[in-house]
Amino acid sequence: MLRIRRARALDGYRLELELTNGTRVERDVGSLLRGPVFQHVRSDPEAFRQVRAEGGTVVWPGGLDLCPDTVIWGGMPPVDTATDAATDLRA
């Protein structure tokens, strides 16, 4: 199962991710930071930069996290994950 090994904040709401297969991808997670729980991360660039990888996904202080499948694949992973489709995704 493909998961997130490392995360680094970039400009805007973009993240550089290193996946467990060694692939590096960039994702714009701005549209995923919805609702009042993410207000602080959305409104404070320093809070957004506190992102890290934990348990295979991205997390922020205060118990905030995003579903790894949504971050990596934009939804559930494809049925055939034998080929690494994550390298073909562009956010």
PDB file of N, CA and C in Angstrom:
ATOM      1  N   MET A   1       0.837  -1.168   0.000  1.00  0.00           N
ATOM      2  CA  MET A   1       0.000   0.000   0.000  1.00  0.00           C
ATOM      3  C   MET A   1       0.894   1.248   0.000  1.00  0.00           C
ATOM      4  N   LEU A   2       0.667   2.110  -0.937  1.00  0.00           N
ATOM      5  CA  LEU A   2       1.459   3.325  -1.092  1.00  0.00           C
ATOM      6  C   LEU A   2       1.045   4.368  -0.055  1.00  0.00           C
ATOM      7  N   ARG A   3       2.019   4.894   0.664  1.00  0.00           N
ATOM      8  CA  ARG A   3       1.749   5.903   1.681  1.00  0.00           C
ATOM      9  C   ARG A   3       2.813   6.992   1.626  1.00  0.00           C
ATOM     10  N   ILE A   4       2.670   7.980   2.496  1.00  0.00           N
ATOM     11  CA  ILE A   4       3.549   9.149   2.517  1.00  0.00           C
ATOM     12  C   ILE A   4       4.633   8.956   3.574  1.00  0.00           C
ATOM     13  N   ARG A   5       5.883   9.075   3.138  1.00  0.00           N
ATOM     14  CA  ARG A   5       7.031   8.904   4.038  1.00  0.00           C
ATOM     15  C   ARG A   5       7.507  10.247   4.594  1.00  0.00           C
ATOM     16  N   ARG A   6       7.537  11.279   3.740  1.00  0.00           N
ATOM     17  CA  ARG A   6       7.989  12.616   4.164  1.00  0.00           C
ATOM     18  C   ARG A   6       7.111  13.660   3.507  1.00  0.00           C
ATOM     19  N   ALA A   7       6.954  14.778   4.192  1.00  0.00           N
ATOM     20  CA  ALA A   7       6.167  15.897   3.656  1.00  0.00           C
ATOM     21  C   ALA A   7       6.895  17.200   3.944  1.00  0.00           C
ATOM     22  N   ARG A   8       6.852  18.084   2.959  1.00  0.00           N
ATOM     23  CA  ARG A   8       7.477  19.404   3.116  1.00  0.00           C
ATOM     24  C   ARG A   8       6.552  20.428   2.483  1.00  0.00           C
ATOM     25  N   ALA A   9       6.287  21.502   3.217  1.00  0.00           N
ATOM     26  CA  ALA A   9       5.424  22.571   2.716  1.00  0.00           C
ATOM     27  C   ALA A   9       6.167  23.393   1.668  1.00  0.00           C
ATOM     28  N   LEU A  10       5.439  23.749   0.622  1.00  0.00           N
ATOM     29  CA  LEU A  10       5.932  24.641  -0.418  1.00  0.00           C
ATOM     30  C   LEU A  10       5.081  25.910  -0.382  1.00  0.00           C
ATOM     31  N   ASP A  11       5.260  26.805  -1.332  1.00  0.00           N
ATOM     32  CA  ASP A  11       4.443  28.019  -1.395  1.00  0.00           C
ATOM     33  C   ASP A  11       2.977  27.674  -1.620  1.00  0.00           C
ATOM     34  N   GLY A  12       2.114  28.574  -1.181  1.00  0.00           N
ATOM     35  CA  GLY A  12       0.677  28.339  -1.309  1.00  0.00           C
ATOM     36  C   GLY A  12       0.293  27.179  -0.409  1.00  0.00           C
ATOM     37  N   TYR A  13      -0.582  26.359  -0.896  1.00  0.00           N
ATOM     38  CA  TYR A  13      -0.998  25.166  -0.142  1.00  0.00           C
ATOM     39  C   TYR A  13      -0.451  23.910  -0.805  1.00  0.00           C
ATOM     40  N   ARG A  14       0.744  24.001  -1.334  1.00  0.00           N
ATOM     41  CA  ARG A  14       1.361  22.859  -2.014  1.00  0.00           C
ATOM     42  C   ARG A  14       2.287  22.112  -1.059  1.00  0.00           C
ATOM     43  N   LEU A  15       2.322  20.806  -1.250  1.00  0.00           N
ATOM     44  CA  LEU A  15       3.206  19.942  -0.473  1.00  0.00           C
ATOM     45  C   LEU A  15       4.091  19.137  -1.401  1.00  0.00           C
ATOM     46  N   GLU A  16       5.338  18.978  -1.028  1.00  0.00           N
ATOM     47  CA  GLU A  16       6.207  18.018  -1.689  1.00  0.00           C
ATOM     48  C   GLU A  16       6.178  16.768  -0.827  1.00  0.00           C
ATOM     49  N   LEU A  17       5.843  15.650  -1.434  1.00  0.00           N
ATOM     50  CA  LEU A  17       5.704  14.398  -0.709  1.00  0.00           C
ATOM     51  C   LEU A  17       6.694  13.375  -1.224  1.00  0.00           C
ATOM     52  N   GLU A  18       7.298  12.640  -0.315  1.00  0.00           N
ATOM     53  CA  GLU A  18       8.059  11.454  -0.692  1.00  0.00           C
ATOM     54  C   GLU A  18       7.194  10.269  -0.292  1.00  0.00           C
ATOM     55  N   LEU A  19       6.894   9.416  -1.261  1.00  0.00           N
ATOM     56  CA  LEU A  19       6.044   8.255  -1.023  1.00  0.00           C
ATOM     57  C   LEU A  19       6.893   7.060  -0.598  1.00  0.00           C
ATOM     58  N   THR A  20       6.239   6.050  -0.079  1.00  0.00           N
ATOM     59  CA  THR A  20       6.958   4.889   0.444  1.00  0.00           C
ATOM     60  C   THR A  20       7.692   4.104  -0.634  1.00  0.00           C
ATOM     61  N   ASN A  21       7.391   4.344  -1.896  1.00  0.00           N
ATOM     62  CA  ASN A  21       8.132   3.678  -2.972  1.00  0.00           C
ATOM     63  C   ASN A  21       9.299   4.536  -3.467  1.00  0.00           C
ATOM     64  N   GLY A  22       9.556   5.676  -2.800  1.00  0.00           N
ATOM     65  CA  GLY A  22      10.658   6.554  -3.161  1.00  0.00           C
ATOM     66  C   GLY A  22      10.293   7.662  -4.133  1.00  0.00           C
ATOM     67  N   THR A  23       9.106   7.609  -4.716  1.00  0.00           N
ATOM     68  CA  THR A  23       8.654   8.630  -5.653  1.00  0.00           C
ATOM     69  C   THR A  23       8.414   9.943  -4.918  1.00  0.00           C
ATOM     70  N   ARG A  24       8.772  11.054  -5.568  1.00  0.00           N
ATOM     71  CA  ARG A  24       8.472  12.393  -5.027  1.00  0.00           C
ATOM     72  C   ARG A  24       7.417  13.032  -5.921  1.00  0.00           C
ATOM     73  N   VAL A  25       6.389  13.579  -5.296  1.00  0.00           N
ATOM     74  CA  VAL A  25       5.308  14.239  -6.019  1.00  0.00           C
ATOM     75  C   VAL A  25       4.962  15.535  -5.309  1.00  0.00           C
ATOM     76  N   GLU A  26       4.344  16.453  -6.038  1.00  0.00           N
ATOM     77  CA  GLU A  26       3.819  17.682  -5.443  1.00  0.00           C
ATOM     78  C   GLU A  26       2.306  17.643  -5.537  1.00  0.00           C
ATOM     79  N   ARG A  27       1.657  18.097  -4.482  1.00  0.00           N
ATOM     80  CA  ARG A  27       0.202  18.153  -4.449  1.00  0.00           C
ATOM     81  C   ARG A  27      -0.247  19.490  -3.879  1.00  0.00           C
ATOM     82  N   ASP A  28      -1.286  20.045  -4.482  1.00  0.00           N
ATOM     83  CA  ASP A  28      -1.939  21.234  -3.943  1.00  0.00           C
ATOM     84  C   ASP A  28      -3.083  20.739  -3.079  1.00  0.00           C
ATOM     85  N   VAL A  29      -2.997  20.964  -1.771  1.00  0.00           N
ATOM     86  CA  VAL A  29      -4.013  20.461  -0.848  1.00  0.00           C
ATOM     87  C   VAL A  29      -4.963  21.564  -0.377  1.00  0.00           C
ATOM     88  N   GLY A  30      -4.889  22.723  -1.007  1.00  0.00           N
ATOM     89  CA  GLY A  30      -5.740  23.839  -0.588  1.00  0.00           C
ATOM     90  C   GLY A  30      -7.219  23.490  -0.550  1.00  0.00           C
ATOM     91  N   SER A  31      -7.699  22.765  -1.546  1.00  0.00           N
ATOM     92  CA  SER A  31      -9.125  22.423  -1.585  1.00  0.00           C
ATOM     93  C   SER A  31      -9.501  21.380  -0.534  1.00  0.00           C
ATOM     94  N   LEU A  32      -8.519  20.717   0.058  1.00  0.00           N
ATOM     95  CA  LEU A  32      -8.785  19.710   1.087  1.00  0.00           C
ATOM     96  C   LEU A  32      -8.823  20.301   2.491  1.00  0.00           C
ATOM     97  N   LEU A  33      -8.343  21.512   2.639  1.00  0.00           N
ATOM     98  CA  LEU A  33      -8.287  22.158   3.957  1.00  0.00           C
ATOM     99  C   LEU A  33      -9.580  22.923   4.212  1.00  0.00           C
ATOM    100  N   ARG A  34     -10.662  22.190   4.317  1.00  0.00           N
ATOM    101  CA  ARG A  34     -11.994  22.793   4.461  1.00  0.00           C
ATOM    102  C   ARG A  34     -12.506  22.669   5.891  1.00  0.00           C
ATOM    103  N   GLY A  35     -13.431  23.537   6.202  1.00  0.00           N
ATOM    104  CA  GLY A  35     -14.090  23.487   7.499  1.00  0.00           C
ATOM    105  C   GLY A  35     -13.325  24.228   8.574  1.00  0.00           C
ATOM    106  N   PRO A  36     -13.997  24.462   9.683  1.00  0.00           N
ATOM    107  CA  PRO A  36     -13.390  25.244  10.762  1.00  0.00           C
ATOM    108  C   PRO A  36     -12.167  24.578  11.381  1.00  0.00           C
ATOM    109  N   VAL A  37     -12.077  23.260  11.332  1.00  0.00           N
ATOM    110  CA  VAL A  37     -10.938  22.577  11.935  1.00  0.00           C
ATOM    111  C   VAL A  37      -9.621  22.969  11.255  1.00  0.00           C
ATOM    112  N   PHE A  38      -9.663  23.282   9.964  1.00  0.00           N
ATOM    113  CA  PHE A  38      -8.454  23.661   9.232  1.00  0.00           C
ATOM    114  C   PHE A  38      -8.261  25.171   9.117  1.00  0.00           C
ATOM    115  N   GLN A  39      -9.099  25.973   9.765  1.00  0.00           N
ATOM    116  CA  GLN A  39      -9.027  27.429   9.657  1.00  0.00           C
ATOM    117  C   GLN A  39      -7.639  27.970  10.003  1.00  0.00           C
ATOM    118  N   HIS A  40      -7.066  27.482  11.082  1.00  0.00           N
ATOM    119  CA  HIS A  40      -5.755  27.986  11.510  1.00  0.00           C
ATOM    120  C   HIS A  40      -4.675  27.652  10.475  1.00  0.00           C
ATOM    121  N   VAL A  41      -4.702  26.452   9.926  1.00  0.00           N
ATOM    122  CA  VAL A  41      -3.711  26.029   8.923  1.00  0.00           C
ATOM    123  C   VAL A  41      -3.880  26.827   7.632  1.00  0.00           C
ATOM    124  N   ARG A  42      -5.140  27.132   7.276  1.00  0.00           N
ATOM    125  CA  ARG A  42      -5.407  27.921   6.063  1.00  0.00           C
ATOM    126  C   ARG A  42      -5.004  29.376   6.226  1.00  0.00           C
ATOM    127  N   SER A  43      -5.202  29.921   7.407  1.00  0.00           N
ATOM    128  CA  SER A  43      -4.999  31.363   7.589  1.00  0.00           C
ATOM    129  C   SER A  43      -3.601  31.747   8.047  1.00  0.00           C
ATOM    130  N   ASP A  44      -2.802  30.789   8.483  1.00  0.00           N
ATOM    131  CA  ASP A  44      -1.472  31.084   9.004  1.00  0.00           C
ATOM    132  C   ASP A  44      -0.432  30.256   8.246  1.00  0.00           C
ATOM    133  N   PRO A  45       0.326  30.891   7.338  1.00  0.00           N
ATOM    134  CA  PRO A  45       1.330  30.146   6.564  1.00  0.00           C
ATOM    135  C   PRO A  45       2.331  29.399   7.446  1.00  0.00           C
ATOM    136  N   GLU A  46       2.668  29.964   8.599  1.00  0.00           N
ATOM    137  CA  GLU A  46       3.599  29.275   9.502  1.00  0.00           C
ATOM    138  C   GLU A  46       2.973  27.985  10.039  1.00  0.00           C
ATOM    139  N   ALA A  47       1.702  28.012  10.336  1.00  0.00           N
ATOM    140  CA  ALA A  47       1.012  26.798  10.789  1.00  0.00           C
ATOM    141  C   ALA A  47       0.994  25.753   9.673  1.00  0.00           C
ATOM    142  N   PHE A  48       0.757  26.180   8.431  1.00  0.00           N
ATOM    143  CA  PHE A  48       0.767  25.240   7.307  1.00  0.00           C
ATOM    144  C   PHE A  48       2.140  24.590   7.160  1.00  0.00           C
ATOM    145  N   ARG A  49       3.200  25.355   7.368  1.00  0.00           N
ATOM    146  CA  ARG A  49       4.566  24.842   7.216  1.00  0.00           C
ATOM    147  C   ARG A  49       4.951  23.826   8.297  1.00  0.00           C
ATOM    148  N   GLN A  50       4.120  23.667   9.314  1.00  0.00           N
ATOM    149  CA  GLN A  50       4.400  22.691  10.367  1.00  0.00           C
ATOM    150  C   GLN A  50       3.974  21.273   9.976  1.00  0.00           C
ATOM    151  N   VAL A  51       3.608  21.084   8.721  1.00  0.00           N
ATOM    152  CA  VAL A  51       3.200  19.768   8.233  1.00  0.00           C
ATOM    153  C   VAL A  51       4.336  18.754   8.389  1.00  0.00           C
ATOM    154  N   ARG A  52       3.959  17.508   8.614  1.00  0.00           N
ATOM    155  CA  ARG A  52       4.933  16.416   8.652  1.00  0.00           C
ATOM    156  C   ARG A  52       4.211  15.126   8.262  1.00  0.00           C
ATOM    157  N   ALA A  53       4.979  14.114   7.940  1.00  0.00           N
ATOM    158  CA  ALA A  53       4.406  12.807   7.639  1.00  0.00           C
ATOM    159  C   ALA A  53       4.401  11.972   8.920  1.00  0.00           C
ATOM    160  N   GLU A  54       3.285  11.312   9.153  1.00  0.00           N
ATOM    161  CA  GLU A  54       3.155  10.452  10.327  1.00  0.00           C
ATOM    162  C   GLU A  54       2.112   9.388  10.008  1.00  0.00           C
ATOM    163  N   GLY A  55       2.433   8.147  10.267  1.00  0.00           N
ATOM    164  CA  GLY A  55       1.473   7.078  10.027  1.00  0.00           C
ATOM    165  C   GLY A  55       1.066   6.937   8.565  1.00  0.00           C
ATOM    166  N   GLY A  56       1.918   7.401   7.664  1.00  0.00           N
ATOM    167  CA  GLY A  56       1.641   7.254   6.241  1.00  0.00           C
ATOM    168  C   GLY A  56       0.855   8.375   5.609  1.00  0.00           C
ATOM    169  N   THR A  57       0.548   9.406   6.380  1.00  0.00           N
ATOM    170  CA  THR A  57      -0.197  10.530   5.823  1.00  0.00           C
ATOM    171  C   THR A  57       0.418  11.847   6.288  1.00  0.00           C
ATOM    172  N   VAL A  58      -0.218  12.964   5.934  1.00  0.00           N
ATOM    173  CA  VAL A  58       0.259  14.269   6.371  1.00  0.00           C
ATOM    174  C   VAL A  58      -0.543  14.724   7.578  1.00  0.00           C
ATOM    175  N   VAL A  59       0.167  15.326   8.534  1.00  0.00           N
ATOM    176  CA  VAL A  59      -0.462  15.786   9.769  1.00  0.00           C
ATOM    177  C   VAL A  59       0.075  17.159  10.138  1.00  0.00           C
ATOM    178  N   TRP A  60      -0.714  17.861  10.939  1.00  0.00           N
ATOM    179  CA  TRP A  60      -0.325  19.150  11.520  1.00  0.00           C
ATOM    180  C   TRP A  60      -0.561  19.060  13.019  1.00  0.00           C
ATOM    181  N   PRO A  61       0.094  19.911  13.795  1.00  0.00           N
ATOM    182  CA  PRO A  61      -0.156  19.934  15.237  1.00  0.00           C
ATOM    183  C   PRO A  61      -1.648  20.124  15.532  1.00  0.00           C
ATOM    184  N   GLY A  62      -2.077  19.569  16.627  1.00  0.00           N
ATOM    185  CA  GLY A  62      -3.476  19.674  17.015  1.00  0.00           C
ATOM    186  C   GLY A  62      -4.322  18.509  16.525  1.00  0.00           C
ATOM    187  N   GLY A  63      -3.672  17.476  15.997  1.00  0.00           N
ATOM    188  CA  GLY A  63      -4.412  16.296  15.562  1.00  0.00           C
ATOM    189  C   GLY A  63      -5.038  16.414  14.186  1.00  0.00           C
ATOM    190  N   LEU A  64      -4.593  17.370  13.385  1.00  0.00           N
ATOM    191  CA  LEU A  64      -5.142  17.535  12.038  1.00  0.00           C
ATOM    192  C   LEU A  64      -4.428  16.610  11.066  1.00  0.00           C
ATOM    193  N   ASP A  65      -5.195  15.947  10.202  1.00  0.00           N
ATOM    194  CA  ASP A  65      -4.596  15.102   9.184  1.00  0.00           C
ATOM    195  C   ASP A  65      -5.508  15.032   7.967  1.00  0.00           C
ATOM    196  N   LEU A  66      -4.947  14.494   6.891  1.00  0.00           N
ATOM    197  CA  LEU A  66      -5.705  14.277   5.659  1.00  0.00           C
ATOM    198  C   LEU A  66      -5.585  12.812   5.277  1.00  0.00           C
ATOM    199  N   CYS A  67      -6.606  12.273   4.661  1.00  0.00           N
ATOM    200  CA  CYS A  67      -6.595  10.891   4.197  1.00  0.00           C
ATOM    201  C   CYS A  67      -5.464  10.709   3.182  1.00  0.00           C
ATOM    202  N   PRO A  68      -4.572   9.742   3.392  1.00  0.00           N
ATOM    203  CA  PRO A  68      -3.455   9.575   2.462  1.00  0.00           C
ATOM    204  C   PRO A  68      -3.911   9.240   1.042  1.00  0.00           C
ATOM    205  N   ASP A  69      -4.970   8.464   0.887  1.00  0.00           N
ATOM    206  CA  ASP A  69      -5.456   8.139  -0.463  1.00  0.00           C
ATOM    207  C   ASP A  69      -5.896   9.393  -1.198  1.00  0.00           C
ATOM    208  N   THR A  70      -6.555  10.294  -0.491  1.00  0.00           N
ATOM    209  CA  THR A  70      -7.002  11.532  -1.113  1.00  0.00           C
ATOM    210  C   THR A  70      -5.821  12.404  -1.504  1.00  0.00           C
ATOM    211  N   VAL A  71      -4.819  12.476  -0.637  1.00  0.00           N
ATOM    212  CA  VAL A  71      -3.647  13.299  -0.946  1.00  0.00           C
ATOM    213  C   VAL A  71      -2.846  12.701  -2.103  1.00  0.00           C
ATOM    214  N   ILE A  72      -2.631  11.399  -2.079  1.00  0.00           N
ATOM    215  CA  ILE A  72      -1.813  10.748  -3.107  1.00  0.00           C
ATOM    216  C   ILE A  72      -2.557  10.615  -4.427  1.00  0.00           C
ATOM    217  N   TRP A  73      -3.779  10.101  -4.372  1.00  0.00           N
ATOM    218  CA  TRP A  73      -4.504   9.728  -5.585  1.00  0.00           C
ATOM    219  C   TRP A  73      -5.624  10.686  -5.968  1.00  0.00           C
ATOM    220  N   GLY A  74      -5.981  11.609  -5.100  1.00  0.00           N
ATOM    221  CA  GLY A  74      -7.138  12.454  -5.372  1.00  0.00           C
ATOM    222  C   GLY A  74      -8.434  11.706  -5.103  1.00  0.00           C
ATOM    223  N   GLY A  75      -8.384  10.667  -4.323  1.00  0.00           N
ATOM    224  CA  GLY A  75      -9.519   9.798  -4.011  1.00  0.00           C
ATOM    225  C   GLY A  75      -8.965   8.421  -3.702  1.00  0.00           C
ATOM    226  N   MET A  76      -9.784   7.413  -3.825  1.00  0.00           N
ATOM    227  CA  MET A  76      -9.325   6.052  -3.570  1.00  0.00           C
ATOM    228  C   MET A  76      -8.296   5.643  -4.620  1.00  0.00           C
ATOM    229  N   PRO A  77      -7.329   4.792  -4.235  1.00  0.00           N
ATOM    230  CA  PRO A  77      -6.318   4.366  -5.206  1.00  0.00           C
ATOM    231  C   PRO A  77      -6.954   3.531  -6.308  1.00  0.00           C
ATOM    232  N   PRO A  78      -6.313   3.500  -7.477  1.00  0.00           N
ATOM    233  CA  PRO A  78      -6.835   2.680  -8.553  1.00  0.00           C
ATOM    234  C   PRO A  78      -6.857   1.212  -8.156  1.00  0.00           C
ATOM    235  N   VAL A  79      -7.722   0.445  -8.776  1.00  0.00           N
ATOM    236  CA  VAL A  79      -7.841  -0.977  -8.468  1.00  0.00           C
ATOM    237  C   VAL A  79      -6.525  -1.685  -8.745  1.00  0.00           C
ATOM    238  N   ASP A  80      -5.880  -1.369  -9.857  1.00  0.00           N
ATOM    239  CA  ASP A  80      -4.611  -1.989 -10.214  1.00  0.00           C
ATOM    240  C   ASP A  80      -3.476  -1.097  -9.763  1.00  0.00           C
ATOM    241  N   THR A  81      -2.965  -1.358  -8.575  1.00  0.00           N
ATOM    242  CA  THR A  81      -1.844  -0.566  -8.079  1.00  0.00           C
ATOM    243  C   THR A  81      -0.518  -1.275  -8.325  1.00  0.00           C
ATOM    244  N   ALA A  82      -0.531  -2.335  -9.150  1.00  0.00           N
ATOM    245  CA  ALA A  82       0.706  -3.039  -9.469  1.00  0.00           C
ATOM    246  C   ALA A  82       1.661  -2.101 -10.201  1.00  0.00           C
ATOM    247  N   THR A  83       1.102  -1.211 -11.028  1.00  0.00           N
ATOM    248  CA  THR A  83       1.930  -0.199 -11.661  1.00  0.00           C
ATOM    249  C   THR A  83       1.801   1.059 -10.839  1.00  0.00           C
ATOM    250  N   ASP A  84       2.841   1.808 -10.762  1.00  0.00           N
ATOM    251  CA  ASP A  84       2.876   2.975  -9.894  1.00  0.00           C
ATOM    252  C   ASP A  84       2.269   4.172 -10.583  1.00  0.00           C
ATOM    253  N   ALA A  85       0.961   4.290 -10.518  1.00  0.00           N
ATOM    254  CA  ALA A  85       0.264   5.398 -11.162  1.00  0.00           C
ATOM    255  C   ALA A  85       0.519   6.720 -10.470  1.00  0.00           C
ATOM    256  N   ALA A  86       0.998   6.698  -9.236  1.00  0.00           N
ATOM    257  CA  ALA A  86       1.222   7.953  -8.521  1.00  0.00           C
ATOM    258  C   ALA A  86       2.228   8.824  -9.240  1.00  0.00           C
ATOM    259  N   THR A  87       3.151   8.242  -9.958  1.00  0.00           N
ATOM    260  CA  THR A  87       4.136   9.047 -10.665  1.00  0.00           C
ATOM    261  C   THR A  87       3.516   9.766 -11.850  1.00  0.00           C
ATOM    262  N   ASP A  88       2.354   9.304 -12.315  1.00  0.00           N
ATOM    263  CA  ASP A  88       1.689   9.920 -13.448  1.00  0.00           C
ATOM    264  C   ASP A  88       0.735  11.023 -13.054  1.00  0.00           C
ATOM    265  N   LEU A  89       0.433  11.154 -11.771  1.00  0.00           N
ATOM    266  CA  LEU A  89      -0.514  12.161 -11.313  1.00  0.00           C
ATOM    267  C   LEU A  89       0.133  13.538 -11.301  1.00  0.00           C
ATOM    268  N   ARG A  90      -0.599  14.510 -11.678  1.00  0.00           N
ATOM    269  CA  ARG A  90      -0.156  15.900 -11.588  1.00  0.00           C
ATOM    270  C   ARG A  90      -1.259  16.672 -10.880  1.00  0.00           C
ATOM    271  N   ALA A  91      -0.902  17.332  -9.794  1.00  0.00           N
ATOM    272  CA  ALA A  91      -1.912  18.073  -9.034  1.00  0.00           C
ATOM    273  C   ALA A  91      -2.197  19.387  -9.702  1.00  0.00           C
TER     274      ALA A  91
END
